[in-house]
Amino acid sequence: MIGIASVFFLFAATPTVIRAPWGVVALLMLVWVVALVQGCRWFVRRPVAVLVLAVLLAIGWFAVVMAGARWLGWTSA
């Protein structure tokens, strides 16, 4: 759960790191909320899956930021 909470700061800081459209930031935050709910459901039964979920969220954030910078022309803020 600490991993998912840590990834929140990556998602929330996206507008300060790169000039992403607000819709992308809102979608990222929605993905984070869904992952948080799923992490809470898995916390007792599948603790390793919660860790994997946090890593996948971080990789997904990096992929979105890099793809936006590469193909959509997002620049640093």
Protein backbone atom coordinates (compact mmCIF):
# COMPACT_ATOMS: atom_id res chain seq x y z
CA MET A 1 0.00 0.00 0.00
CA ILE A 2 2.95 2.31 0.56
CA GLY A 3 3.92 1.75 -3.07
CA ILE A 4 0.48 2.76 -4.30
CA ALA A 5 0.54 5.82 -2.05
CA SER A 6 3.98 6.75 -3.39
CA VAL A 7 2.83 6.46 -6.98
CA PHE A 8 0.10 8.98 -6.18
CA PHE A 9 2.77 11.68 -6.00
CA LEU A 10 4.01 10.78 -9.48
CA PHE A 11 0.48 11.02 -10.84
CA ALA A 12 -0.32 14.24 -8.96
CA ALA A 13 2.94 15.91 -10.03
CA THR A 14 2.43 15.20 -13.72
CA PRO A 15 1.32 18.77 -14.56
CA THR A 16 4.45 20.18 -12.90
CA VAL A 17 6.76 17.76 -14.69
CA ILE A 18 5.29 17.92 -18.18
CA ARG A 19 2.59 19.98 -19.86
CA ALA A 20 0.05 17.20 -20.15
CA PRO A 21 -3.56 18.06 -20.96
CA TRP A 22 -5.90 18.14 -17.97
CA GLY A 23 -7.87 15.21 -19.39
CA VAL A 24 -4.79 13.00 -19.29
CA VAL A 25 -4.07 14.01 -15.70
CA ALA A 26 -7.69 13.31 -14.74
CA LEU A 27 -7.54 9.90 -16.42
CA LEU A 28 -4.28 9.09 -14.61
CA MET A 29 -5.87 10.03 -11.29
CA LEU A 30 -8.89 7.87 -12.09
CA VAL A 31 -6.59 4.94 -12.84
CA TRP A 32 -4.86 5.54 -9.51
CA VAL A 33 -8.17 5.54 -7.60
CA VAL A 34 -9.20 2.27 -9.24
CA ALA A 35 -5.80 0.77 -8.39
CA LEU A 36 -6.12 1.96 -4.79
CA VAL A 37 -9.51 0.30 -4.42
CA GLN A 38 -8.16 -2.90 -5.96
CA GLY A 39 -5.10 -2.74 -3.71
CA CYS A 40 -7.33 -2.43 -0.66
CA ARG A 41 -9.27 -5.48 -1.79
CA TRP A 42 -6.08 -7.50 -2.34
CA PHE A 43 -4.17 -6.27 0.73
CA VAL A 44 -4.75 -9.32 2.96
CA ARG A 45 -5.21 -12.09 0.43
CA ARG A 46 -2.55 -11.15 -2.16
CA PRO A 47 0.06 -8.82 -0.67
CA VAL A 48 2.59 -9.53 -3.43
CA ALA A 49 0.01 -8.54 -6.04
CA VAL A 50 -0.33 -5.14 -4.34
CA LEU A 51 3.41 -4.61 -4.75
CA VAL A 52 3.24 -5.64 -8.41
CA LEU A 53 0.30 -3.29 -8.89
CA ALA A 54 2.34 -0.35 -7.57
CA VAL A 55 5.24 -1.19 -9.90
CA LEU A 56 2.87 -1.48 -12.86
CA LEU A 57 1.37 1.91 -12.02
CA ALA A 58 4.82 3.52 -11.99
CA ILE A 59 5.77 1.89 -15.29
CA GLY A 60 2.44 2.96 -16.79
CA TRP A 61 2.97 6.56 -15.68
CA PHE A 62 6.43 6.58 -17.22
CA ALA A 63 5.06 5.13 -20.47
CA VAL A 64 2.29 7.75 -20.68
CA VAL A 65 4.68 10.63 -20.02
CA MET A 66 7.28 9.37 -22.50
CA ALA A 67 4.67 8.64 -25.20
CA GLY A 68 3.13 12.08 -24.73
CA ALA A 69 6.50 13.77 -24.97
CA ARG A 70 7.57 11.73 -27.98
CA TRP A 71 4.44 11.62 -30.13
CA LEU A 72 2.17 14.36 -28.83
CA GLY A 73 4.76 17.08 -28.31
CA TRP A 74 4.32 17.57 -24.58
CA THR A 75 7.17 19.69 -23.27
CA SER A 76 8.55 20.07 -19.79
CA ALA A 77 6.80 22.57 -17.60
